[in-house]
Amino acid sequence: PGQGVSVSGPHSLGVSLALVPPQNFGAPSFDDKKLEVVAVFGSIQMAVSRVINLQHHRIAQCRVVKITIRGDEGVPVQVDGEAWIQPPGVIKIQHKNRAQM
C-alpha cells in the first residue's frame, strides 16, 4: 500500500524521475501544463529515486488536482520543502505558469 502521493510538474522530482507513459498517459512534457500524480511508497523510495533511475507508479496526469482530507485529524503535507500538518479540508492544485531556471 502507498503511504502518500506526490503532485508535481513532469521533471520537478529531478532528472531521475522515470515516468514511462503507459497506454492511457502521455509522455511528460514541460509544455503541456499537466501535473503528474505519483504514488509514494515511503521516504526511502523518494530518496533513492533521486540517485538512481526508478520507475514510479503513476496514478494520474491532469491539469487540476483536488485532494479532500476527511476525518478529525490532519495529515502531513510538504510543499517546496516546507512541512506542516494540514487540517481536514480541500486542497486544489493547478498549473499556473513556469519559470526558466
C-alpha atoms as a PDB file:
ATOM      1  CA  PRO A   1       0.000   0.000   0.000  1.00  0.00           C
ATOM      2  CA  GLY A   2       1.112   3.528  -0.735  1.00  0.00           C
ATOM      3  CA  GLN A   3       1.999   5.956   2.027  1.00  0.00           C
ATOM      4  CA  GLY A   4       1.168   9.096   0.099  1.00  0.00           C
ATOM      5  CA  VAL A   5       1.066  10.902  -3.212  1.00  0.00           C
ATOM      6  CA  SER A   6       3.362  13.307  -4.989  1.00  0.00           C
ATOM      7  CA  VAL A   7       1.874  16.004  -7.224  1.00  0.00           C
ATOM      8  CA  SER A   8       4.417  17.755  -9.400  1.00  0.00           C
ATOM      9  CA  GLY A   9       5.397  19.006 -12.793  1.00  0.00           C
ATOM     10  CA  PRO A  10       6.886  16.319 -15.031  1.00  0.00           C
ATOM     11  CA  HIS A  11      10.502  16.974 -14.106  1.00  0.00           C
ATOM     12  CA  SER A  12      10.396  18.611 -10.685  1.00  0.00           C
ATOM     13  CA  LEU A  13      11.390  15.440  -8.809  1.00  0.00           C
ATOM     14  CA  GLY A  14      14.698  15.504 -10.652  1.00  0.00           C
ATOM     15  CA  VAL A  15      16.050  14.075 -13.865  1.00  0.00           C
ATOM     16  CA  SER A  16      15.958  10.574 -12.376  1.00  0.00           C
ATOM     17  CA  LEU A  17      12.142  10.526 -12.318  1.00  0.00           C
ATOM     18  CA  ALA A  18      11.245   7.802 -14.792  1.00  0.00           C
ATOM     19  CA  LEU A  19       7.636   8.133 -15.878  1.00  0.00           C
ATOM     20  CA  VAL A  20       7.141   5.561 -18.573  1.00  0.00           C
ATOM     21  CA  PRO A  21       3.984   6.541 -20.454  1.00  0.00           C
ATOM     22  CA  PRO A  22       1.533   3.631 -20.236  1.00  0.00           C
ATOM     23  CA  GLN A  23      -1.308   3.363 -22.743  1.00  0.00           C
ATOM     24  CA  ASN A  24      -3.544   5.984 -21.130  1.00  0.00           C
ATOM     25  CA  PHE A  25      -0.873   8.607 -20.237  1.00  0.00           C
ATOM     26  CA  GLY A  26       1.106  10.881 -22.490  1.00  0.00           C
ATOM     27  CA  ALA A  27       4.833  11.381 -22.195  1.00  0.00           C
ATOM     28  CA  PRO A  28       5.744  14.017 -19.556  1.00  0.00           C
ATOM     29  CA  SER A  29       6.363  17.448 -21.072  1.00  0.00           C
ATOM     30  CA  PHE A  30       7.174  20.919 -19.755  1.00  0.00           C
ATOM     31  CA  ASP A  31       4.791  22.474 -22.258  1.00  0.00           C
ATOM     32  CA  ASP A  32       1.573  20.511 -21.669  1.00  0.00           C
ATOM     33  CA  LYS A  33       0.776  22.231 -18.336  1.00  0.00           C
ATOM     34  CA  LYS A  34      -0.142  18.867 -16.835  1.00  0.00           C
ATOM     35  CA  LEU A  35       0.620  17.698 -13.326  1.00  0.00           C
ATOM     36  CA  GLU A  36       1.936  14.216 -12.595  1.00  0.00           C
ATOM     37  CA  VAL A  37       0.312  12.378  -9.671  1.00  0.00           C
ATOM     38  CA  VAL A  38       2.577   9.595  -8.436  1.00  0.00           C
ATOM     39  CA  ALA A  39       2.187   7.061  -5.592  1.00  0.00           C
ATOM     40  CA  VAL A  40       4.776   7.306  -2.814  1.00  0.00           C
ATOM     41  CA  PHE A  41       5.603   4.055  -1.037  1.00  0.00           C
ATOM     42  CA  GLY A  42       7.931   5.577   1.557  1.00  0.00           C
ATOM     43  CA  SER A  43      10.655   8.122   2.184  1.00  0.00           C
ATOM     44  CA  ILE A  44      13.381   5.672   1.195  1.00  0.00           C
ATOM     45  CA  GLN A  45      11.824   5.281  -2.269  1.00  0.00           C
ATOM     46  CA  MET A  46      11.801   9.066  -2.725  1.00  0.00           C
ATOM     47  CA  ALA A  47      15.420   9.415  -1.559  1.00  0.00           C
ATOM     48  CA  VAL A  48      16.711   6.544  -3.711  1.00  0.00           C
ATOM     49  CA  SER A  49      14.834   7.830  -6.776  1.00  0.00           C
ATOM     50  CA  ARG A  50      16.994  10.953  -6.716  1.00  0.00           C
ATOM     51  CA  VAL A  51      20.147   8.828  -7.025  1.00  0.00           C
ATOM     52  CA  ILE A  52      19.140   6.016  -9.376  1.00  0.00           C
ATOM     53  CA  ASN A  53      16.581   5.859 -12.148  1.00  0.00           C
ATOM     54  CA  LEU A  54      13.495   4.265 -10.552  1.00  0.00           C
ATOM     55  CA  GLN A  55      10.162   3.900 -12.277  1.00  0.00           C
ATOM     56  CA  HIS A  56       7.286   5.366 -10.277  1.00  0.00           C
ATOM     57  CA  HIS A  57       3.674   4.234 -10.054  1.00  0.00           C
ATOM     58  CA  ARG A  58       1.719   6.867 -11.912  1.00  0.00           C
ATOM     59  CA  ILE A  59      -1.819   7.496 -10.669  1.00  0.00           C
ATOM     60  CA  ALA A  60      -2.900  10.350 -12.932  1.00  0.00           C
ATOM     61  CA  GLN A  61      -1.846  13.063 -15.336  1.00  0.00           C
ATOM     62  CA  CYS A  62      -4.093  16.119 -15.110  1.00  0.00           C
ATOM     63  CA  ARG A  63      -4.363  19.901 -15.147  1.00  0.00           C
ATOM     64  CA  VAL A  64      -6.106  20.228 -11.758  1.00  0.00           C
ATOM     65  CA  VAL A  65      -5.795  18.031  -8.663  1.00  0.00           C
ATOM     66  CA  LYS A  66      -8.329  18.202  -5.841  1.00  0.00           C
ATOM     67  CA  ILE A  67      -7.420  16.415  -2.604  1.00  0.00           C
ATOM     68  CA  THR A  68     -10.074  16.110   0.095  1.00  0.00           C
ATOM     69  CA  ILE A  69      -8.835  15.426   3.620  1.00  0.00           C
ATOM     70  CA  ARG A  70     -11.571  13.854   5.709  1.00  0.00           C
ATOM     71  CA  GLY A  71     -11.787  12.846   9.327  1.00  0.00           C
ATOM     72  CA  ASP A  72     -10.884  14.579  12.549  1.00  0.00           C
ATOM     73  CA  GLU A  73      -7.092  14.675  12.220  1.00  0.00           C
ATOM     74  CA  GLY A  74      -4.799  16.492   9.852  1.00  0.00           C
ATOM     75  CA  VAL A  75      -2.242  14.873   7.562  1.00  0.00           C
ATOM     76  CA  PRO A  76       1.432  15.727   6.970  1.00  0.00           C
ATOM     77  CA  VAL A  77       1.934  17.900   3.872  1.00  0.00           C
ATOM     78  CA  GLN A  78       5.099  19.270   2.296  1.00  0.00           C
ATOM     79  CA  VAL A  79       5.353  21.952  -0.393  1.00  0.00           C
ATOM     80  CA  ASP A  80       8.718  23.203  -1.644  1.00  0.00           C
ATOM     81  CA  GLY A  81      10.448  21.841   1.446  1.00  0.00           C
ATOM     82  CA  GLU A  82       8.041  23.423   3.936  1.00  0.00           C
ATOM     83  CA  ALA A  83       6.179  20.831   6.016  1.00  0.00           C
ATOM     84  CA  TRP A  84       3.095  21.204   8.212  1.00  0.00           C
ATOM     85  CA  ILE A  85       0.040  19.312   9.414  1.00  0.00           C
ATOM     86  CA  GLN A  86      -2.869  20.161   7.117  1.00  0.00           C
ATOM     87  CA  PRO A  87      -6.254  20.064   8.880  1.00  0.00           C
ATOM     88  CA  PRO A  88      -9.236  18.394   7.178  1.00  0.00           C
ATOM     89  CA  GLY A  89     -10.488  20.272   4.138  1.00  0.00           C
ATOM     90  CA  VAL A  90      -9.846  20.568   0.399  1.00  0.00           C
ATOM     91  CA  ILE A  91      -6.544  21.248  -1.356  1.00  0.00           C
ATOM     92  CA  LYS A  92      -6.708  22.329  -5.014  1.00  0.00           C
ATOM     93  CA  ILE A  93      -3.526  22.253  -7.087  1.00  0.00           C
ATOM     94  CA  GLN A  94      -3.291  23.549 -10.634  1.00  0.00           C
ATOM     95  CA  HIS A  95      -0.582  24.646 -13.029  1.00  0.00           C
ATOM     96  CA  LYS A  96      -0.364  28.445 -13.251  1.00  0.00           C
ATOM     97  CA  ASN A  97       2.870  29.275 -15.053  1.00  0.00           C
ATOM     98  CA  ARG A  98       6.517  28.304 -15.115  1.00  0.00           C
ATOM     99  CA  ALA A  99       9.919  29.832 -14.645  1.00  0.00           C
ATOM    100  CA  GLN A 100      13.018  29.017 -16.661  1.00  0.00           C
ATOM    101  CA  MET A 101      15.932  28.129 -14.386  1.00  0.00           C
END
